[in-house]
Amino acid sequence: MSNSPFENKVLDQSFYRLFDDISSVMNKYSPRELSQPRSMELIHNPDFLAFLDANLAITMILDFQTQGYFYISENIKEIWGHSREDFYNHGLKKTVTIFPLAQNEIIIHKIFPLLFDYFNKHALTGEASDLRVSYPTKVIRGDGTEGWYLHQMKVLQTDEHKKPILGLKIITDISDFKKDDIITMKIAKKDHNGIFKNIFSQSFSDQNTSYNVSEREKEVLLLLDEGKSTLEISALLFISNHTVSTHRRNLLKKFDAKSTVDMLKKATVHGII
């Protein structure tokens, strides 16, 4: 019997293409010819490892050079239902198989390039380790069910040129709180007080949803996005307050949104504004 994690996706060449894509992104930023030793006393400390394994979040240390994992906490089995040996043996090839295909497209073609661009830019000033990257994704668990998980990553170790070698990743189950289909990537940086503050945010959606928005409704959306009130929109578009309110009510229904903020986020993600 095959031990390969790909046995159900052998005919789906898109997964292998996606892995090639992610390899090219990581190779661009993490040169392979490094000889720096990777001895990390903390990671070999049994008390520290016991703490990580008992945690409610999955802890991973990603090796940017080999595109594999330097460390994975044992609790990955109880949280994801996947064996950590598969991740050790297959690295990111295994990782590619646990995300829905549409989200893989976002993670590999949008999130990872942005992530490494920021790591690379801040490596020039020696500040790559001061960044924290966060984004949620769905994960296909070992039993076939899906759940939403928050991924948070920071650079753990750099080479002599301050380029990232190892990345620390913490993954938390947010299935009970995540209710929309939007993937919002945020990058935070430590300020002079050592507190993380957001310096970048961008949202994506894996849903091919199309919204039938009229030109007038789009004008209302754009003005709402600028922070305009109903009264201000009424004056700018030369329409009544009642008409503006009707447009807003119809737009909330079209976007299946509970608030203006949610509606504007969806409109932005889908390129309407």
Protein backbone atom coordinates (compact mmCIF):
# COMPACT_ATOMS: atom_id res chain seq x y z
CA MET A 1 0.00 0.00 0.00
CA SER A 2 1.37 3.42 -0.94
CA ASN A 3 2.48 5.81 1.81
CA SER A 4 2.39 8.77 -0.55
CA PRO A 5 0.16 11.68 0.49
CA PHE A 6 -0.58 12.23 -3.20
CA GLU A 7 -2.33 8.96 -3.95
CA ASN A 8 -5.72 10.69 -4.33
CA LYS A 9 -4.32 13.47 -6.52
CA VAL A 10 -2.01 11.56 -8.83
CA LEU A 11 -4.03 12.60 -11.87
CA ASP A 12 -4.27 16.23 -10.81
CA GLN A 13 -1.12 17.70 -12.33
CA SER A 14 -2.13 21.16 -11.16
CA PHE A 15 -0.89 20.30 -7.66
CA TYR A 16 2.56 19.54 -9.01
CA ARG A 17 2.52 22.73 -11.08
CA LEU A 18 1.65 24.69 -7.95
CA PHE A 19 4.57 23.14 -6.09
CA ASP A 20 6.89 24.13 -8.93
CA ASP A 21 5.52 27.66 -8.63
CA ILE A 22 6.12 27.85 -4.90
CA SER A 23 9.62 26.40 -5.33
CA SER A 24 10.53 29.13 -7.82
CA VAL A 25 9.26 31.82 -5.45
CA MET A 26 11.27 30.49 -2.50
CA ASN A 27 14.41 29.83 -4.54
CA LYS A 28 14.37 33.45 -5.67
CA TYR A 29 14.75 34.70 -2.12
CA SER A 30 16.65 31.92 -0.33
CA PRO A 31 19.96 30.95 -1.95
CA ARG A 32 20.86 27.29 -1.52
CA GLU A 33 24.63 27.58 -1.29
CA LEU A 34 24.71 28.45 2.42
CA SER A 35 26.96 26.53 4.75
CA GLN A 36 25.81 28.17 7.99
CA PRO A 37 25.18 25.55 10.71
CA ARG A 38 21.59 25.26 11.92
CA SER A 39 22.20 24.11 15.46
CA MET A 40 19.39 25.61 17.54
CA GLU A 41 19.70 24.65 21.18
CA LEU A 42 16.15 25.72 22.02
CA ILE A 43 14.61 23.41 19.45
CA HIS A 44 16.45 20.45 20.98
CA ASN A 45 15.38 21.33 24.52
CA PRO A 46 12.94 18.58 25.66
CA ASP A 47 11.03 20.91 27.99
CA PHE A 48 10.51 23.42 25.19
CA LEU A 49 9.37 20.70 22.78
CA ALA A 50 6.93 19.34 25.38
CA PHE A 51 5.48 22.84 25.73
CA LEU A 52 4.99 23.18 21.96
CA ASP A 53 3.37 19.74 21.66
CA ALA A 54 0.90 20.55 24.46
CA ASN A 55 -0.04 23.88 22.85
CA LEU A 56 -3.43 24.48 21.24
CA ALA A 57 -1.72 25.73 18.06
CA ILE A 58 0.46 23.88 15.56
CA THR A 59 4.08 25.03 15.56
CA MET A 60 6.27 24.62 12.48
CA ILE A 61 9.76 25.75 11.55
CA LEU A 62 10.05 26.06 7.80
CA ASP A 63 13.40 25.67 6.05
CA PHE A 64 13.32 28.18 3.21
CA GLN A 65 16.30 26.56 1.45
CA THR A 66 15.10 22.96 1.27
CA GLN A 67 11.38 23.89 1.24
CA GLY A 68 10.94 21.37 4.00
CA TYR A 69 10.30 21.47 7.73
CA PHE A 70 13.00 21.72 10.37
CA TYR A 71 10.47 21.10 13.15
CA ILE A 72 6.74 20.25 13.44
CA SER A 73 4.91 19.89 16.75
CA GLU A 74 3.33 16.50 17.43
CA ASN A 75 -0.11 18.05 18.01
CA ILE A 76 -0.51 18.44 14.22
CA LYS A 77 -2.16 14.99 14.28
CA GLU A 78 -4.89 15.93 16.75
CA ILE A 79 -5.50 19.36 15.17
CA TRP A 80 -5.27 18.55 11.44
CA GLY A 81 -5.49 14.76 11.43
CA HIS A 82 -2.33 14.53 9.33
CA SER A 83 0.87 12.72 10.22
CA ARG A 84 3.84 15.00 10.74
CA GLU A 85 6.04 12.33 9.14
CA ASP A 86 4.35 13.12 5.81
CA PHE A 87 5.37 16.77 6.19
CA TYR A 88 8.91 15.82 7.18
CA ASN A 89 9.22 13.41 4.26
CA HIS A 90 7.57 15.52 1.56
CA GLY A 91 7.90 19.12 2.79
CA LEU A 92 5.87 21.63 0.83
CA LYS A 93 4.75 18.92 -1.59
CA LYS A 94 2.61 17.62 1.27
CA THR A 95 1.50 21.13 2.24
CA VAL A 96 0.18 21.77 -1.27
CA THR A 97 -2.21 18.82 -0.91
CA ILE A 98 -4.00 20.05 2.22
CA PHE A 99 -5.28 23.36 0.81
CA PRO A 100 -8.26 23.59 -1.57
CA LEU A 101 -6.94 24.17 -5.08
CA ALA A 102 -8.43 27.67 -5.47
CA GLN A 103 -6.76 28.76 -2.22
CA ASN A 104 -3.45 27.29 -3.34
CA GLU A 105 -3.59 29.70 -6.29
CA ILE A 106 -3.96 32.62 -3.86
CA ILE A 107 -1.33 31.39 -1.39
CA ILE A 108 1.33 30.63 -3.99
CA HIS A 109 0.73 33.33 -6.59
CA LYS A 110 -0.27 36.21 -4.31
CA ILE A 111 0.55 35.68 -0.63
CA PHE A 112 3.99 34.05 -0.93
CA PRO A 113 5.38 36.60 -3.44
CA LEU A 114 4.18 39.46 -1.20
CA LEU A 115 5.58 37.74 1.90
CA PHE A 116 9.03 37.25 0.40
CA ASP A 117 9.07 40.73 -1.15
CA TYR A 118 8.63 42.19 2.34
CA PHE A 119 11.17 39.81 3.88
CA ASN A 120 13.64 40.71 1.12
CA LYS A 121 13.16 44.48 1.40
CA HIS A 122 13.56 44.43 5.17
CA ALA A 123 16.57 42.12 4.93
CA LEU A 124 18.44 45.08 3.41
CA THR A 125 18.05 46.97 6.70
CA GLY A 126 18.39 43.90 8.90
CA GLU A 127 14.72 44.13 9.94
CA ALA A 128 13.30 40.95 8.38
CA SER A 129 13.02 39.37 11.84
CA ASP A 130 10.82 42.30 12.93
CA LEU A 131 8.02 41.30 10.55
CA ARG A 132 4.99 39.12 11.25
CA VAL A 133 2.82 37.81 8.41
CA SER A 134 -0.74 36.62 9.06
CA TYR A 135 -3.36 35.09 6.78
CA PRO A 136 -6.25 32.57 7.14
CA THR A 137 -6.81 29.57 4.87
CA LYS A 138 -9.01 26.54 4.70
CA VAL A 139 -7.28 23.22 5.43
CA ILE A 140 -8.48 19.81 4.30
CA ARG A 141 -8.15 17.70 7.44
CA GLY A 142 -7.14 14.06 7.49
CA ASP A 143 -10.79 12.94 7.64
CA GLY A 144 -11.71 15.00 4.56
CA THR A 145 -13.52 17.79 6.41
CA GLU A 146 -12.43 21.42 6.01
CA GLY A 147 -11.72 24.09 8.59
CA TRP A 148 -10.35 27.63 8.70
CA TYR A 149 -6.91 28.18 10.25
CA LEU A 150 -4.92 31.33 10.94
CA HIS A 151 -1.28 31.15 9.81
CA GLN A 152 1.22 33.51 11.44
CA MET A 153 4.84 33.52 10.36
CA LYS A 154 8.01 35.39 11.23
CA VAL A 155 11.67 34.97 10.31
CA LEU A 156 13.45 32.90 12.94
CA GLN A 157 16.97 32.81 11.51
CA THR A 158 18.81 34.67 8.74
CA ASP A 159 22.10 34.18 6.89
CA GLU A 160 25.10 36.50 6.87
CA HIS A 161 23.27 38.70 4.36
CA LYS A 162 20.18 38.88 6.59
CA LYS A 163 18.23 36.71 4.12
CA PRO A 164 15.67 34.35 5.77
CA ILE A 165 16.79 30.77 6.37
CA LEU A 166 14.24 29.52 8.88
CA GLY A 167 10.69 30.73 9.47
CA LEU A 168 8.58 30.16 12.57
CA LYS A 169 4.93 29.42 11.80
CA ILE A 170 2.06 29.22 14.30
CA ILE A 171 -1.28 27.82 13.06
CA THR A 172 -4.51 28.25 15.04
CA ASP A 173 -8.00 26.83 14.44
CA ILE A 174 -10.44 29.72 13.81
CA SER A 175 -13.26 27.67 12.28
CA ASP A 176 -15.73 28.79 14.96
CA PHE A 177 -15.05 32.46 14.20
CA LYS A 178 -14.34 32.66 10.47
CA LYS A 179 -17.63 33.09 8.63
CA ASP A 180 -16.75 34.55 5.22
CA ASP A 181 -14.70 33.34 2.24
CA ILE A 182 -12.16 36.17 2.26
CA ILE A 183 -8.44 35.64 2.82
CA THR A 184 -6.94 38.79 4.31
CA MET A 185 -3.17 38.96 4.46
CA LYS A 186 -1.65 41.34 7.00
CA ILE A 187 1.99 42.21 7.54
CA ALA A 188 2.96 43.81 10.85
CA LYS A 189 6.28 45.27 11.95
CA LYS A 190 7.66 45.96 15.41
CA ASP A 191 7.72 49.65 16.26
CA HIS A 192 10.30 51.38 18.47
CA ASN A 193 8.46 50.00 21.54
CA GLY A 194 8.69 46.44 20.22
CA ILE A 195 4.95 46.28 19.49
CA PHE A 196 3.68 44.84 16.20
CA LYS A 197 1.80 47.40 14.08
CA ASN A 198 0.20 46.62 10.72
CA ILE A 199 2.06 48.06 7.72
CA PHE A 200 0.25 46.16 4.93
CA SER A 201 -3.15 44.57 4.35
CA GLN A 202 -4.73 43.00 1.27
CA SER A 203 -7.75 40.76 0.81
CA PHE A 204 -8.41 37.97 -1.68
CA SER A 205 -11.30 35.61 -2.38
CA ASP A 206 -11.28 32.09 -3.76
CA GLN A 207 -14.92 32.36 -4.83
CA ASN A 208 -15.71 33.09 -8.48
CA THR A 209 -18.71 35.15 -7.43
CA SER A 210 -20.00 37.80 -9.80
CA TYR A 211 -22.14 40.67 -8.55
CA ASN A 212 -24.59 42.47 -10.82
CA VAL A 213 -23.85 46.04 -9.73
CA SER A 214 -25.22 48.97 -11.74
CA GLU A 215 -23.13 52.04 -12.57
CA ARG A 216 -25.11 54.12 -10.07
CA GLU A 217 -24.61 51.48 -7.37
CA LYS A 218 -20.90 51.46 -8.13
CA GLU A 219 -20.81 55.24 -7.68
CA VAL A 220 -22.48 54.81 -4.30
CA LEU A 221 -19.96 52.12 -3.36
CA LEU A 222 -17.00 54.31 -4.31
CA LEU A 223 -18.33 57.22 -2.25
CA LEU A 224 -19.03 54.94 0.72
CA ASP A 225 -15.47 53.68 0.42
CA GLU A 226 -14.31 57.30 0.70
CA GLY A 227 -16.21 57.55 3.98
CA LYS A 228 -19.07 59.66 2.65
CA SER A 229 -22.40 59.68 4.50
CA THR A 230 -25.84 59.19 2.96
CA LEU A 231 -26.40 62.95 3.05
CA GLU A 232 -23.07 63.66 1.34
CA ILE A 233 -23.69 61.01 -1.34
CA SER A 234 -27.13 62.47 -1.96
CA ALA A 235 -25.66 65.93 -2.58
CA LEU A 236 -22.79 64.68 -4.74
CA LEU A 237 -24.97 62.50 -6.99
CA PHE A 238 -27.98 64.86 -7.02
CA ILE A 239 -30.36 62.18 -5.79
CA SER A 240 -32.58 62.00 -2.71
CA ASN A 241 -31.54 60.59 0.66
CA HIS A 242 -34.24 57.95 0.23
CA THR A 243 -32.71 56.84 -3.12
CA VAL A 244 -29.25 56.58 -1.56
CA SER A 245 -30.66 54.52 1.31
CA THR A 246 -32.41 52.24 -1.20
CA HIS A 247 -29.14 51.72 -3.11
CA ARG A 248 -27.33 50.90 0.13
CA ARG A 249 -30.02 48.42 1.16
CA ASN A 250 -29.96 46.72 -2.26
CA LEU A 251 -26.16 46.54 -2.23
CA LEU A 252 -26.13 44.87 1.18
CA LYS A 253 -28.46 42.22 -0.22
CA LYS A 254 -26.42 41.73 -3.40
CA PHE A 255 -23.20 41.24 -1.44
CA ASP A 256 -24.93 39.19 1.27
CA ALA A 257 -23.27 41.55 3.75
CA LYS A 258 -24.38 42.41 7.27
CA SER A 259 -22.59 45.75 7.39
CA THR A 260 -21.22 48.44 5.11
CA VAL A 261 -17.68 47.47 6.12
CA ASP A 262 -18.29 43.86 5.07
CA MET A 263 -19.89 44.99 1.81
CA LEU A 264 -16.96 47.27 0.94
CA LYS A 265 -14.48 44.52 1.74
CA LYS A 266 -16.23 42.12 -0.65
CA ALA A 267 -16.47 44.80 -3.34
CA THR A 268 -12.74 45.45 -3.02
CA VAL A 269 -11.79 41.76 -3.07
CA HIS A 270 -13.81 41.19 -6.25
CA GLY A 271 -12.39 44.23 -8.01
CA ILE A 272 -15.63 46.20 -8.14
CA ILE A 273 -14.09 49.22 -6.42
